[in-house]
Amino acid sequence: MPEYSPAMALRTASLRDRLHPVLLVPEEAMSIDVHGRTDAAVLVPLYVGGGSLHLVFTKRGADLRRHAGEISFPGGRRERDEDDLRATALREAEEEIGLPGTAVEIVGALQPTPTIATGYAVYPFVGLIESGRSWTPSASEVAAVLELSIPELVAGYGRRRLVRRGLPIRTDTYVVGEHLIWGATARILGDLLDRLDAAGL
């Protein structure tokens, strides 16, 4: 576990204060109707480390039935007993990467978005976490946990031609090293980056 420090608390408080005005209120975001057969939620874990903001992603296992090998935020479908999609995002983050809900402060939400091929309505929630965490990836779902900085994600943006299911598409992407982010995750990331820019972050 990373050690708590007053400096870390001040950074987190400052970040929270700057994010609140530019993020959606979670209750309002959850009321937005999105085309999709299945409601799902993702956590967008954000932290300050080495003088810049970082996000935490998962690289999905290559043998999964849906979105195999893709990079995404930790998340998944809503369970029947979950009335609040924030609970879905927190539960999935703990199951997938070992991030307990008690270590996350949800500070707002992003625009929900559909997944085109698999029919999910994805509701993203931004959560502040401490830097320096160790991860426990789910052996059945997660091939790797990635921590990528905002500057390298911004630098890796481009509209690129991809071939998916035999069809060429031109779409927003982010490339960092060997890692390609596209699809719903790229749309969520683009929304977040626009809001961070509006906050001067």
N, C-alpha and C. Protein backbone atom coordinates (compact mmCIF):
# COMPACT_ATOMS: atom_id res chain seq x y z
N MET A 1 0.84 -1.20 0.00
CA MET A 1 0.00 0.00 0.00
C MET A 1 0.87 1.25 0.00
N PRO A 2 0.54 2.29 -0.82
CA PRO A 2 1.29 3.54 -0.76
C PRO A 2 1.03 4.25 0.56
N GLU A 3 2.05 4.93 1.05
CA GLU A 3 1.91 5.63 2.32
C GLU A 3 1.18 6.95 2.11
N TYR A 4 0.30 7.27 3.06
CA TYR A 4 -0.42 8.53 3.02
C TYR A 4 0.55 9.65 3.38
N SER A 5 0.42 10.79 2.71
CA SER A 5 1.24 11.95 3.06
C SER A 5 0.39 13.21 2.92
N PRO A 6 0.70 14.26 3.69
CA PRO A 6 -0.04 15.52 3.55
C PRO A 6 0.03 16.09 2.14
N ALA A 7 1.21 15.96 1.50
CA ALA A 7 1.35 16.48 0.14
C ALA A 7 0.41 15.76 -0.82
N MET A 8 0.28 14.43 -0.64
CA MET A 8 -0.63 13.66 -1.48
C MET A 8 -2.07 14.11 -1.26
N ALA A 9 -2.43 14.35 -0.01
CA ALA A 9 -3.79 14.80 0.30
C ALA A 9 -4.08 16.14 -0.35
N LEU A 10 -3.10 17.05 -0.34
CA LEU A 10 -3.30 18.36 -0.96
C LEU A 10 -3.46 18.23 -2.47
N ARG A 11 -2.66 17.37 -3.10
CA ARG A 11 -2.78 17.16 -4.55
C ARG A 11 -4.16 16.61 -4.90
N THR A 12 -4.62 15.65 -4.11
CA THR A 12 -5.92 15.04 -4.38
C THR A 12 -7.04 16.05 -4.20
N ALA A 13 -6.96 16.86 -3.15
CA ALA A 13 -7.99 17.87 -2.90
C ALA A 13 -8.03 18.89 -4.03
N SER A 14 -6.86 19.34 -4.48
CA SER A 14 -6.80 20.30 -5.58
C SER A 14 -7.38 19.71 -6.86
N LEU A 15 -7.03 18.46 -7.15
CA LEU A 15 -7.54 17.80 -8.34
C LEU A 15 -9.05 17.64 -8.27
N ARG A 16 -9.55 17.24 -7.13
CA ARG A 16 -11.00 17.09 -6.94
C ARG A 16 -11.70 18.41 -7.22
N ASP A 17 -11.19 19.49 -6.66
CA ASP A 17 -11.83 20.80 -6.82
C ASP A 17 -11.84 21.26 -8.27
N ARG A 18 -10.82 20.90 -9.02
CA ARG A 18 -10.75 21.32 -10.42
C ARG A 18 -11.58 20.42 -11.33
N LEU A 19 -11.78 19.18 -10.93
CA LEU A 19 -12.54 18.26 -11.76
C LEU A 19 -14.05 18.42 -11.61
N HIS A 20 -14.50 18.71 -10.41
CA HIS A 20 -15.95 18.77 -10.16
C HIS A 20 -16.71 19.64 -11.17
N PRO A 21 -16.23 20.85 -11.49
CA PRO A 21 -17.01 21.69 -12.42
C PRO A 21 -17.10 21.16 -13.85
N VAL A 22 -16.16 20.29 -14.26
CA VAL A 22 -16.13 19.87 -15.66
C VAL A 22 -16.68 18.46 -15.88
N LEU A 23 -16.91 17.72 -14.80
CA LEU A 23 -17.46 16.37 -14.93
C LEU A 23 -18.97 16.38 -14.76
N LEU A 24 -19.62 15.35 -15.27
CA LEU A 24 -21.06 15.20 -15.07
C LEU A 24 -21.32 14.72 -13.65
N VAL A 25 -22.44 15.14 -13.09
CA VAL A 25 -22.88 14.60 -11.80
C VAL A 25 -23.30 13.15 -12.05
N PRO A 26 -22.81 12.21 -11.24
CA PRO A 26 -23.11 10.79 -11.51
C PRO A 26 -24.60 10.49 -11.67
N GLU A 27 -25.45 11.07 -10.83
CA GLU A 27 -26.89 10.80 -10.93
C GLU A 27 -27.44 11.27 -12.27
N GLU A 28 -26.94 12.39 -12.76
CA GLU A 28 -27.40 12.89 -14.06
C GLU A 28 -26.92 11.99 -15.19
N ALA A 29 -25.67 11.54 -15.09
CA ALA A 29 -25.12 10.67 -16.12
C ALA A 29 -25.91 9.36 -16.19
N MET A 30 -26.28 8.83 -15.03
CA MET A 30 -27.00 7.55 -15.01
C MET A 30 -28.41 7.68 -15.55
N SER A 31 -28.93 8.91 -15.63
CA SER A 31 -30.28 9.11 -16.16
C SER A 31 -30.28 9.25 -17.68
N ILE A 32 -29.10 9.35 -18.30
CA ILE A 32 -29.00 9.47 -19.75
C ILE A 32 -29.26 8.11 -20.39
N ASP A 33 -30.18 8.09 -21.34
CA ASP A 33 -30.53 6.83 -22.02
C ASP A 33 -29.57 6.61 -23.18
N VAL A 34 -28.93 5.45 -23.17
CA VAL A 34 -27.96 5.11 -24.21
C VAL A 34 -28.42 3.84 -24.91
N HIS A 35 -28.28 3.82 -26.22
CA HIS A 35 -28.69 2.64 -26.98
C HIS A 35 -27.79 1.47 -26.61
N GLY A 36 -28.38 0.40 -26.14
CA GLY A 36 -27.63 -0.80 -25.79
C GLY A 36 -28.52 -1.78 -25.06
N ARG A 37 -28.34 -3.05 -25.31
CA ARG A 37 -29.17 -4.06 -24.67
C ARG A 37 -28.82 -4.28 -23.21
N THR A 38 -27.57 -4.01 -22.84
CA THR A 38 -27.08 -4.33 -21.51
C THR A 38 -26.37 -3.13 -20.90
N ASP A 39 -26.79 -2.72 -19.69
CA ASP A 39 -26.10 -1.65 -18.98
C ASP A 39 -24.79 -2.16 -18.40
N ALA A 40 -23.74 -1.36 -18.54
CA ALA A 40 -22.44 -1.69 -17.99
C ALA A 40 -21.81 -0.41 -17.45
N ALA A 41 -20.80 -0.56 -16.62
CA ALA A 41 -20.12 0.60 -16.06
C ALA A 41 -18.63 0.33 -16.03
N VAL A 42 -17.85 1.41 -16.18
CA VAL A 42 -16.40 1.30 -16.04
C VAL A 42 -15.91 2.35 -15.06
N LEU A 43 -14.83 2.03 -14.39
CA LEU A 43 -14.14 2.99 -13.54
C LEU A 43 -12.98 3.57 -14.34
N VAL A 44 -12.84 4.89 -14.28
CA VAL A 44 -11.73 5.58 -14.94
C VAL A 44 -10.79 6.03 -13.82
N PRO A 45 -9.83 5.17 -13.42
CA PRO A 45 -8.97 5.50 -12.27
C PRO A 45 -7.91 6.52 -12.67
N LEU A 46 -7.82 7.60 -11.89
CA LEU A 46 -6.96 8.74 -12.20
C LEU A 46 -6.10 9.05 -10.98
N TYR A 47 -4.82 9.27 -11.22
CA TYR A 47 -3.95 9.65 -10.10
C TYR A 47 -2.84 10.58 -10.58
N VAL A 48 -2.22 11.27 -9.62
CA VAL A 48 -1.08 12.14 -9.89
C VAL A 48 0.19 11.37 -9.53
N GLY A 49 1.10 11.29 -10.48
CA GLY A 49 2.37 10.61 -10.22
C GLY A 49 3.47 11.19 -11.08
N GLY A 50 4.62 11.48 -10.47
CA GLY A 50 5.75 12.01 -11.24
C GLY A 50 5.45 13.33 -11.92
N GLY A 51 4.56 14.11 -11.32
CA GLY A 51 4.27 15.43 -11.86
C GLY A 51 3.23 15.46 -12.96
N SER A 52 2.62 14.31 -13.30
CA SER A 52 1.58 14.31 -14.33
C SER A 52 0.45 13.38 -13.94
N LEU A 53 -0.68 13.56 -14.60
CA LEU A 53 -1.83 12.70 -14.36
C LEU A 53 -1.66 11.38 -15.10
N HIS A 54 -2.13 10.31 -14.48
CA HIS A 54 -2.07 8.98 -15.08
C HIS A 54 -3.44 8.32 -15.01
N LEU A 55 -3.69 7.43 -15.96
CA LEU A 55 -4.89 6.60 -15.97
C LEU A 55 -4.51 5.14 -15.90
N VAL A 56 -5.41 4.34 -15.35
CA VAL A 56 -5.18 2.90 -15.23
C VAL A 56 -6.13 2.17 -16.19
N PHE A 57 -5.55 1.32 -17.02
CA PHE A 57 -6.31 0.53 -18.00
C PHE A 57 -6.04 -0.95 -17.76
N THR A 58 -6.88 -1.78 -18.35
CA THR A 58 -6.61 -3.21 -18.40
C THR A 58 -6.42 -3.64 -19.85
N LYS A 59 -5.55 -4.60 -20.05
CA LYS A 59 -5.46 -5.28 -21.35
C LYS A 59 -6.17 -6.61 -21.16
N ARG A 60 -7.26 -6.78 -21.89
CA ARG A 60 -8.12 -7.94 -21.69
C ARG A 60 -7.45 -9.22 -22.21
N GLY A 61 -7.80 -10.33 -21.59
CA GLY A 61 -7.23 -11.61 -21.98
C GLY A 61 -7.52 -11.94 -23.43
N ALA A 62 -6.60 -12.62 -24.08
CA ALA A 62 -6.74 -12.93 -25.51
C ALA A 62 -7.80 -13.98 -25.79
N ASP A 63 -8.20 -14.73 -24.76
CA ASP A 63 -9.17 -15.80 -25.00
C ASP A 63 -10.58 -15.45 -24.54
N LEU A 64 -10.82 -14.18 -24.22
CA LEU A 64 -12.16 -13.78 -23.81
C LEU A 64 -13.11 -13.78 -25.00
N ARG A 65 -14.40 -14.01 -24.71
CA ARG A 65 -15.39 -14.09 -25.79
C ARG A 65 -15.68 -12.72 -26.40
N ARG A 66 -15.65 -11.67 -25.57
CA ARG A 66 -15.94 -10.32 -26.06
C ARG A 66 -14.73 -9.40 -25.82
N HIS A 67 -14.41 -8.61 -26.84
CA HIS A 67 -13.35 -7.59 -26.76
C HIS A 67 -12.01 -8.21 -26.35
N ALA A 68 -11.72 -9.40 -26.83
CA ALA A 68 -10.48 -10.09 -26.48
C ALA A 68 -9.26 -9.28 -26.89
N GLY A 69 -8.29 -9.17 -25.98
CA GLY A 69 -7.03 -8.51 -26.27
C GLY A 69 -7.08 -7.00 -26.32
N GLU A 70 -8.27 -6.42 -26.15
CA GLU A 70 -8.39 -4.97 -26.25
C GLU A 70 -8.02 -4.29 -24.93
N ILE A 71 -7.73 -3.00 -25.03
CA ILE A 71 -7.42 -2.20 -23.84
C ILE A 71 -8.68 -1.46 -23.44
N SER A 72 -9.00 -1.53 -22.17
CA SER A 72 -10.22 -0.89 -21.67
C SER A 72 -10.00 -0.41 -20.26
N PHE A 73 -10.97 0.33 -19.75
CA PHE A 73 -10.99 0.65 -18.33
C PHE A 73 -11.61 -0.53 -17.58
N PRO A 74 -11.24 -0.74 -16.32
CA PRO A 74 -11.87 -1.84 -15.58
C PRO A 74 -13.37 -1.63 -15.48
N GLY A 75 -14.13 -2.67 -15.77
CA GLY A 75 -15.58 -2.55 -15.73
C GLY A 75 -16.27 -3.76 -16.29
N GLY A 76 -17.60 -3.69 -16.32
CA GLY A 76 -18.37 -4.80 -16.84
C GLY A 76 -19.85 -4.56 -16.67
N ARG A 77 -20.62 -5.61 -16.90
CA ARG A 77 -22.08 -5.47 -16.90
C ARG A 77 -22.64 -5.32 -15.49
N ARG A 78 -23.77 -4.64 -15.42
CA ARG A 78 -24.46 -4.47 -14.15
C ARG A 78 -25.09 -5.79 -13.70
N GLU A 79 -24.94 -6.11 -12.42
CA GLU A 79 -25.59 -7.28 -11.84
C GLU A 79 -27.03 -6.92 -11.47
N ARG A 80 -27.89 -7.93 -11.38
CA ARG A 80 -29.31 -7.68 -11.13
C ARG A 80 -29.57 -6.95 -9.81
N ASP A 81 -28.73 -7.18 -8.81
CA ASP A 81 -28.96 -6.58 -7.50
C ASP A 81 -28.30 -5.21 -7.34
N GLU A 82 -27.72 -4.66 -8.42
CA GLU A 82 -27.05 -3.37 -8.35
C GLU A 82 -27.97 -2.27 -8.86
N ASP A 83 -28.43 -1.42 -7.96
CA ASP A 83 -29.30 -0.31 -8.33
C ASP A 83 -28.51 0.89 -8.84
N ASP A 84 -27.23 0.97 -8.47
CA ASP A 84 -26.40 2.12 -8.79
C ASP A 84 -25.21 1.65 -9.62
N LEU A 85 -25.05 2.22 -10.79
CA LEU A 85 -23.97 1.80 -11.68
C LEU A 85 -22.59 2.13 -11.11
N ARG A 86 -22.52 3.06 -10.17
CA ARG A 86 -21.23 3.30 -9.51
C ARG A 86 -20.77 2.04 -8.77
N ALA A 87 -21.73 1.34 -8.17
CA ALA A 87 -21.39 0.09 -7.47
C ALA A 87 -20.87 -0.94 -8.46
N THR A 88 -21.43 -0.95 -9.67
CA THR A 88 -20.94 -1.87 -10.71
C THR A 88 -19.49 -1.57 -11.05
N ALA A 89 -19.19 -0.30 -11.28
CA ALA A 89 -17.82 0.10 -11.64
C ALA A 89 -16.83 -0.26 -10.54
N LEU A 90 -17.19 -0.01 -9.29
CA LEU A 90 -16.29 -0.30 -8.17
C LEU A 90 -16.10 -1.81 -7.98
N ARG A 91 -17.19 -2.56 -8.09
CA ARG A 91 -17.09 -4.01 -7.94
C ARG A 91 -16.19 -4.60 -9.02
N GLU A 92 -16.41 -4.18 -10.26
CA GLU A 92 -15.62 -4.72 -11.36
C GLU A 92 -14.14 -4.35 -11.22
N ALA A 93 -13.85 -3.14 -10.75
CA ALA A 93 -12.45 -2.73 -10.57
C ALA A 93 -11.77 -3.60 -9.51
N GLU A 94 -12.50 -3.94 -8.46
CA GLU A 94 -11.91 -4.81 -7.44
C GLU A 94 -11.72 -6.22 -7.99
N GLU A 95 -12.70 -6.72 -8.73
CA GLU A 95 -12.59 -8.07 -9.27
C GLU A 95 -11.48 -8.18 -10.32
N GLU A 96 -11.34 -7.15 -11.15
CA GLU A 96 -10.42 -7.24 -12.28
C GLU A 96 -8.98 -6.89 -11.93
N ILE A 97 -8.78 -5.88 -11.07
CA ILE A 97 -7.39 -5.45 -10.80
C ILE A 97 -7.07 -5.37 -9.32
N GLY A 98 -8.00 -5.79 -8.45
CA GLY A 98 -7.72 -5.78 -7.02
C GLY A 98 -7.73 -4.40 -6.40
N LEU A 99 -8.48 -3.46 -7.00
CA LEU A 99 -8.58 -2.11 -6.45
C LEU A 99 -9.82 -2.03 -5.57
N PRO A 100 -9.68 -1.96 -4.25
CA PRO A 100 -10.86 -1.94 -3.38
C PRO A 100 -11.62 -0.63 -3.51
N GLY A 101 -12.94 -0.71 -3.37
CA GLY A 101 -13.77 0.49 -3.47
C GLY A 101 -13.42 1.54 -2.44
N THR A 102 -12.90 1.11 -1.28
CA THR A 102 -12.52 2.05 -0.23
C THR A 102 -11.31 2.90 -0.61
N ALA A 103 -10.59 2.49 -1.67
CA ALA A 103 -9.41 3.23 -2.12
C ALA A 103 -9.73 4.17 -3.27
N VAL A 104 -11.02 4.33 -3.59
CA VAL A 104 -11.44 5.15 -4.74
C VAL A 104 -12.38 6.24 -4.26
N GLU A 105 -12.15 7.46 -4.75
CA GLU A 105 -13.09 8.56 -4.53
C GLU A 105 -13.70 8.93 -5.88
N ILE A 106 -14.95 8.57 -6.09
CA ILE A 106 -15.61 8.93 -7.35
C ILE A 106 -15.96 10.41 -7.32
N VAL A 107 -15.43 11.15 -8.30
CA VAL A 107 -15.60 12.60 -8.31
C VAL A 107 -16.54 13.08 -9.41
N GLY A 108 -17.02 12.18 -10.25
CA GLY A 108 -17.93 12.58 -11.30
C GLY A 108 -18.03 11.51 -12.37
N ALA A 109 -18.72 11.83 -13.43
CA ALA A 109 -18.97 10.87 -14.50
C ALA A 109 -18.67 11.50 -15.84
N LEU A 110 -18.58 10.65 -16.85
CA LEU A 110 -18.39 11.07 -18.24
C LEU A 110 -19.62 10.68 -19.05
N GLN A 111 -19.67 11.17 -20.27
CA GLN A 111 -20.79 10.86 -21.15
C GLN A 111 -20.86 9.36 -21.40
N PRO A 112 -21.99 8.71 -21.12
CA PRO A 112 -22.11 7.28 -21.44
C PRO A 112 -22.07 7.05 -22.94
N THR A 113 -21.61 5.86 -23.32
CA THR A 113 -21.44 5.57 -24.74
C THR A 113 -21.79 4.11 -25.02
N PRO A 114 -22.30 3.82 -26.21
CA PRO A 114 -22.58 2.41 -26.55
C PRO A 114 -21.35 1.72 -27.12
N THR A 115 -21.33 0.40 -27.00
CA THR A 115 -20.38 -0.39 -27.79
C THR A 115 -21.13 -0.86 -29.02
N ILE A 116 -20.55 -0.65 -30.16
CA ILE A 116 -21.27 -0.86 -31.42
C ILE A 116 -21.53 -2.34 -31.67
N ALA A 117 -20.51 -3.17 -31.51
CA ALA A 117 -20.64 -4.58 -31.91
C ALA A 117 -21.32 -5.45 -30.85
N THR A 118 -21.12 -5.10 -29.56
CA THR A 118 -21.57 -6.02 -28.51
C THR A 118 -22.80 -5.53 -27.75
N GLY A 119 -23.30 -4.34 -28.06
CA GLY A 119 -24.58 -3.90 -27.53
C GLY A 119 -24.61 -3.51 -26.07
N TYR A 120 -23.49 -3.00 -25.55
CA TYR A 120 -23.46 -2.51 -24.17
C TYR A 120 -23.70 -1.00 -24.15
N ALA A 121 -24.40 -0.53 -23.11
CA ALA A 121 -24.48 0.90 -22.81
C ALA A 121 -23.53 1.13 -21.64
N VAL A 122 -22.41 1.80 -21.91
CA VAL A 122 -21.32 1.90 -20.93
C VAL A 122 -21.36 3.26 -20.24
N TYR A 123 -21.41 3.22 -18.90
CA TYR A 123 -21.44 4.43 -18.07
C TYR A 123 -20.11 4.55 -17.34
N PRO A 124 -19.30 5.60 -17.67
CA PRO A 124 -17.97 5.74 -17.06
C PRO A 124 -18.02 6.68 -15.84
N PHE A 125 -17.28 6.29 -14.80
CA PHE A 125 -17.17 7.10 -13.58
C PHE A 125 -15.69 7.35 -13.28
N VAL A 126 -15.36 8.62 -13.04
CA VAL A 126 -13.98 8.99 -12.77
C VAL A 126 -13.71 8.85 -11.28
N GLY A 127 -12.67 8.09 -10.95
CA GLY A 127 -12.33 7.88 -9.55
C GLY A 127 -10.88 8.25 -9.27
N LEU A 128 -10.65 9.04 -8.23
CA LEU A 128 -9.30 9.40 -7.83
C LEU A 128 -8.74 8.29 -6.94
N ILE A 129 -7.49 7.91 -7.21
CA ILE A 129 -6.80 6.91 -6.40
C ILE A 129 -5.41 7.44 -6.07
N GLU A 130 -4.73 6.77 -5.15
CA GLU A 130 -3.35 7.13 -4.83
C GLU A 130 -2.41 6.49 -5.83
N SER A 131 -1.27 7.11 -6.03
CA SER A 131 -0.25 6.53 -6.90
C SER A 131 0.48 5.41 -6.15
N GLY A 132 1.20 4.61 -6.90
CA GLY A 132 2.06 3.60 -6.29
C GLY A 132 1.35 2.34 -5.83
N ARG A 133 0.15 2.10 -6.33
CA ARG A 133 -0.56 0.89 -5.92
C ARG A 133 0.02 -0.34 -6.61
N SER A 134 -0.12 -1.50 -5.97
CA SER A 134 0.18 -2.76 -6.64
C SER A 134 -1.13 -3.41 -7.04
N TRP A 135 -1.11 -4.10 -8.15
CA TRP A 135 -2.34 -4.62 -8.73
C TRP A 135 -2.40 -6.14 -8.60
N THR A 136 -3.62 -6.64 -8.56
CA THR A 136 -3.85 -8.08 -8.56
C THR A 136 -4.80 -8.39 -9.70
N PRO A 137 -4.26 -8.55 -10.92
CA PRO A 137 -5.14 -8.77 -12.07
C PRO A 137 -5.84 -10.12 -12.01
N SER A 138 -7.09 -10.12 -12.44
CA SER A 138 -7.86 -11.36 -12.51
C SER A 138 -7.26 -12.27 -13.58
N ALA A 139 -6.89 -13.48 -13.16
CA ALA A 139 -6.24 -14.40 -14.10
C ALA A 139 -7.15 -14.78 -15.27
N SER A 140 -8.46 -14.75 -15.03
CA SER A 140 -9.39 -15.19 -16.08
C SER A 140 -9.79 -14.07 -17.03
N GLU A 141 -9.49 -12.81 -16.68
CA GLU A 141 -9.97 -11.71 -17.51
C GLU A 141 -8.90 -10.74 -17.98
N VAL A 142 -7.86 -10.54 -17.17
CA VAL A 142 -6.93 -9.44 -17.41
C VAL A 142 -5.53 -9.97 -17.71
N ALA A 143 -5.00 -9.61 -18.89
CA ALA A 143 -3.65 -10.02 -19.26
C ALA A 143 -2.60 -9.10 -18.65
N ALA A 144 -2.94 -7.80 -18.47
CA ALA A 144 -1.99 -6.84 -17.91
C ALA A 144 -2.74 -5.61 -17.42
N VAL A 145 -2.16 -4.94 -16.44
CA VAL A 145 -2.66 -3.65 -15.97
C VAL A 145 -1.69 -2.58 -16.47
N LEU A 146 -2.23 -1.55 -17.12
CA LEU A 146 -1.40 -0.50 -17.73
C LEU A 146 -1.64 0.82 -17.02
N GLU A 147 -0.56 1.53 -16.70
CA GLU A 147 -0.65 2.87 -16.15
C GLU A 147 -0.02 3.81 -17.18
N LEU A 148 -0.85 4.62 -17.82
CA LEU A 148 -0.39 5.50 -18.90
C LEU A 148 -0.63 6.94 -18.52
N SER A 149 0.35 7.79 -18.82
CA SER A 149 0.23 9.20 -18.46
C SER A 149 -0.61 9.96 -19.48
N ILE A 150 -1.24 11.01 -19.00
CA ILE A 150 -2.04 11.86 -19.90
C ILE A 150 -1.18 12.44 -21.03
N PRO A 151 0.02 12.96 -20.75
CA PRO A 151 0.82 13.50 -21.87
C PRO A 151 1.12 12.47 -22.95
N GLU A 152 1.44 11.23 -22.58
CA GLU A 152 1.75 10.25 -23.63
C GLU A 152 0.49 9.81 -24.37
N LEU A 153 -0.66 9.82 -23.70
CA LEU A 153 -1.91 9.51 -24.38
C LEU A 153 -2.27 10.61 -25.38
N VAL A 154 -2.12 11.86 -24.96
CA VAL A 154 -2.40 12.99 -25.87
C VAL A 154 -1.47 12.92 -27.09
N ALA A 155 -0.19 12.64 -26.84
CA ALA A 155 0.78 12.58 -27.93
C ALA A 155 0.48 11.43 -28.89
N GLY A 156 -0.19 10.39 -28.38
CA GLY A 156 -0.45 9.21 -29.21
C GLY A 156 -1.77 9.25 -29.96
N TYR A 157 -2.48 10.39 -29.89
CA TYR A 157 -3.78 10.46 -30.56
C TYR A 157 -3.63 10.54 -32.08
N GLY A 158 -4.56 9.92 -32.78
CA GLY A 158 -4.63 10.07 -34.23
C GLY A 158 -5.86 9.36 -34.77
N ARG A 159 -6.37 9.83 -35.89
CA ARG A 159 -7.43 9.10 -36.58
C ARG A 159 -6.74 8.10 -37.50
N ARG A 160 -6.99 6.83 -37.28
CA ARG A 160 -6.26 5.80 -37.99
C ARG A 160 -7.23 4.84 -38.68
N ARG A 161 -6.70 4.18 -39.69
CA ARG A 161 -7.48 3.17 -40.41
C ARG A 161 -7.23 1.82 -39.76
N LEU A 162 -8.30 1.19 -39.30
CA LEU A 162 -8.22 -0.14 -38.72
C LEU A 162 -9.09 -1.08 -39.53
N VAL A 163 -8.79 -2.35 -39.44
CA VAL A 163 -9.64 -3.36 -40.06
C VAL A 163 -10.22 -4.21 -38.94
N ARG A 164 -11.54 -4.19 -38.83
CA ARG A 164 -12.22 -4.95 -37.79
C ARG A 164 -13.31 -5.80 -38.42
N ARG A 165 -13.28 -7.09 -38.12
CA ARG A 165 -14.23 -8.05 -38.70
C ARG A 165 -14.22 -7.98 -40.22
N GLY A 166 -13.03 -7.77 -40.77
CA GLY A 166 -12.85 -7.74 -42.21
C GLY A 166 -13.23 -6.44 -42.88
N LEU A 167 -13.68 -5.46 -42.10
CA LEU A 167 -14.11 -4.18 -42.68
C LEU A 167 -13.17 -3.06 -42.26
N PRO A 168 -12.76 -2.21 -43.22
CA PRO A 168 -11.90 -1.07 -42.85
C PRO A 168 -12.74 0.04 -42.21
N ILE A 169 -12.21 0.61 -41.13
CA ILE A 169 -12.85 1.76 -40.49
C ILE A 169 -11.78 2.81 -40.22
N ARG A 170 -12.21 4.06 -40.18
CA ARG A 170 -11.30 5.15 -39.80
C ARG A 170 -11.85 5.72 -38.51
N THR A 171 -11.05 5.72 -37.46
CA THR A 171 -11.59 6.04 -36.15
C THR A 171 -10.54 6.69 -35.26
N ASP A 172 -11.01 7.33 -34.19
CA ASP A 172 -10.10 7.92 -33.21
C ASP A 172 -9.36 6.81 -32.47
N THR A 173 -8.06 7.00 -32.33
CA THR A 173 -7.24 6.02 -31.63
C THR A 173 -6.20 6.74 -30.78
N TYR A 174 -5.65 6.00 -29.82
CA TYR A 174 -4.52 6.47 -29.01
C TYR A 174 -3.51 5.33 -28.98
N VAL A 175 -2.27 5.62 -29.35
CA VAL A 175 -1.23 4.61 -29.38
C VAL A 175 -0.10 5.04 -28.45
N VAL A 176 0.22 4.18 -27.49
CA VAL A 176 1.35 4.41 -26.59
C VAL A 176 2.21 3.15 -26.65
N GLY A 177 3.39 3.27 -27.25
CA GLY A 177 4.23 2.10 -27.43
C GLY A 177 3.51 1.08 -28.29
N GLU A 178 3.37 -0.13 -27.75
CA GLU A 178 2.69 -1.20 -28.50
C GLU A 178 1.19 -1.25 -28.19
N HIS A 179 0.70 -0.32 -27.39
CA HIS A 179 -0.67 -0.38 -26.92
C HIS A 179 -1.59 0.52 -27.77
N LEU A 180 -2.65 -0.07 -28.30
CA LEU A 180 -3.63 0.65 -29.13
C LEU A 180 -4.95 0.73 -28.37
N ILE A 181 -5.46 1.96 -28.23
CA ILE A 181 -6.77 2.19 -27.61
C ILE A 181 -7.70 2.71 -28.69
N TRP A 182 -8.86 2.08 -28.82
CA TRP A 182 -9.82 2.50 -29.84
C TRP A 182 -11.23 2.18 -29.33
N GLY A 183 -12.23 2.41 -30.18
CA GLY A 183 -13.60 2.05 -29.85
C GLY A 183 -14.17 2.84 -28.69
N ALA A 184 -15.01 2.19 -27.88
CA ALA A 184 -15.68 2.86 -26.78
C ALA A 184 -14.69 3.45 -25.80
N THR A 185 -13.57 2.75 -25.55
CA THR A 185 -12.57 3.26 -24.61
C THR A 185 -11.95 4.55 -25.14
N ALA A 186 -11.70 4.61 -26.43
CA ALA A 186 -11.16 5.84 -27.02
C ALA A 186 -12.16 6.99 -26.92
N ARG A 187 -13.45 6.69 -27.10
CA ARG A 187 -14.46 7.75 -26.96
C ARG A 187 -14.52 8.26 -25.52
N ILE A 188 -14.47 7.35 -24.56
CA ILE A 188 -14.48 7.76 -23.15
C ILE A 188 -13.22 8.58 -22.84
N LEU A 189 -12.09 8.11 -23.33
CA LEU A 189 -10.83 8.82 -23.08
C LEU A 189 -10.86 10.21 -23.71
N GLY A 190 -11.37 10.32 -24.94
CA GLY A 190 -11.45 11.62 -25.60
C GLY A 190 -12.32 12.59 -24.83
N ASP A 191 -13.45 12.11 -24.29
CA ASP A 191 -14.32 12.95 -23.48
C ASP A 191 -13.58 13.44 -22.24
N LEU A 192 -12.86 12.53 -21.57
CA LEU A 192 -12.10 12.92 -20.38
C LEU A 192 -11.03 13.95 -20.72
N LEU A 193 -10.29 13.73 -21.79
CA LEU A 193 -9.21 14.66 -22.15
C LEU A 193 -9.76 16.05 -22.45
N ASP A 194 -10.91 16.13 -23.10
CA ASP A 194 -11.54 17.44 -23.36
C ASP A 194 -11.88 18.13 -22.05
N ARG A 195 -12.38 17.38 -21.08
CA ARG A 195 -12.78 17.97 -19.80
C ARG A 195 -11.54 18.36 -18.99
N LEU A 196 -10.48 17.56 -19.05
CA LEU A 196 -9.24 17.93 -18.36
C LEU A 196 -8.66 19.21 -18.95
N ASP A 197 -8.75 19.32 -20.28
CA ASP A 197 -8.26 20.54 -20.93
C ASP A 197 -9.07 21.75 -20.49
N ALA A 198 -10.39 21.59 -20.37
CA ALA A 198 -11.25 22.69 -19.92
C ALA A 198 -10.93 23.10 -18.49
N ALA A 199 -10.44 22.13 -17.69
CA ALA A 199 -10.08 22.43 -16.30
C ALA A 199 -8.66 22.94 -16.18
N GLY A 200 -7.94 23.04 -17.30
CA GLY A 200 -6.56 23.49 -17.26
C GLY A 200 -5.61 22.46 -16.71
N LEU A 201 -5.97 21.18 -16.85
CA LEU A 201 -5.13 20.10 -16.32
C LEU A 201 -4.37 19.37 -17.43
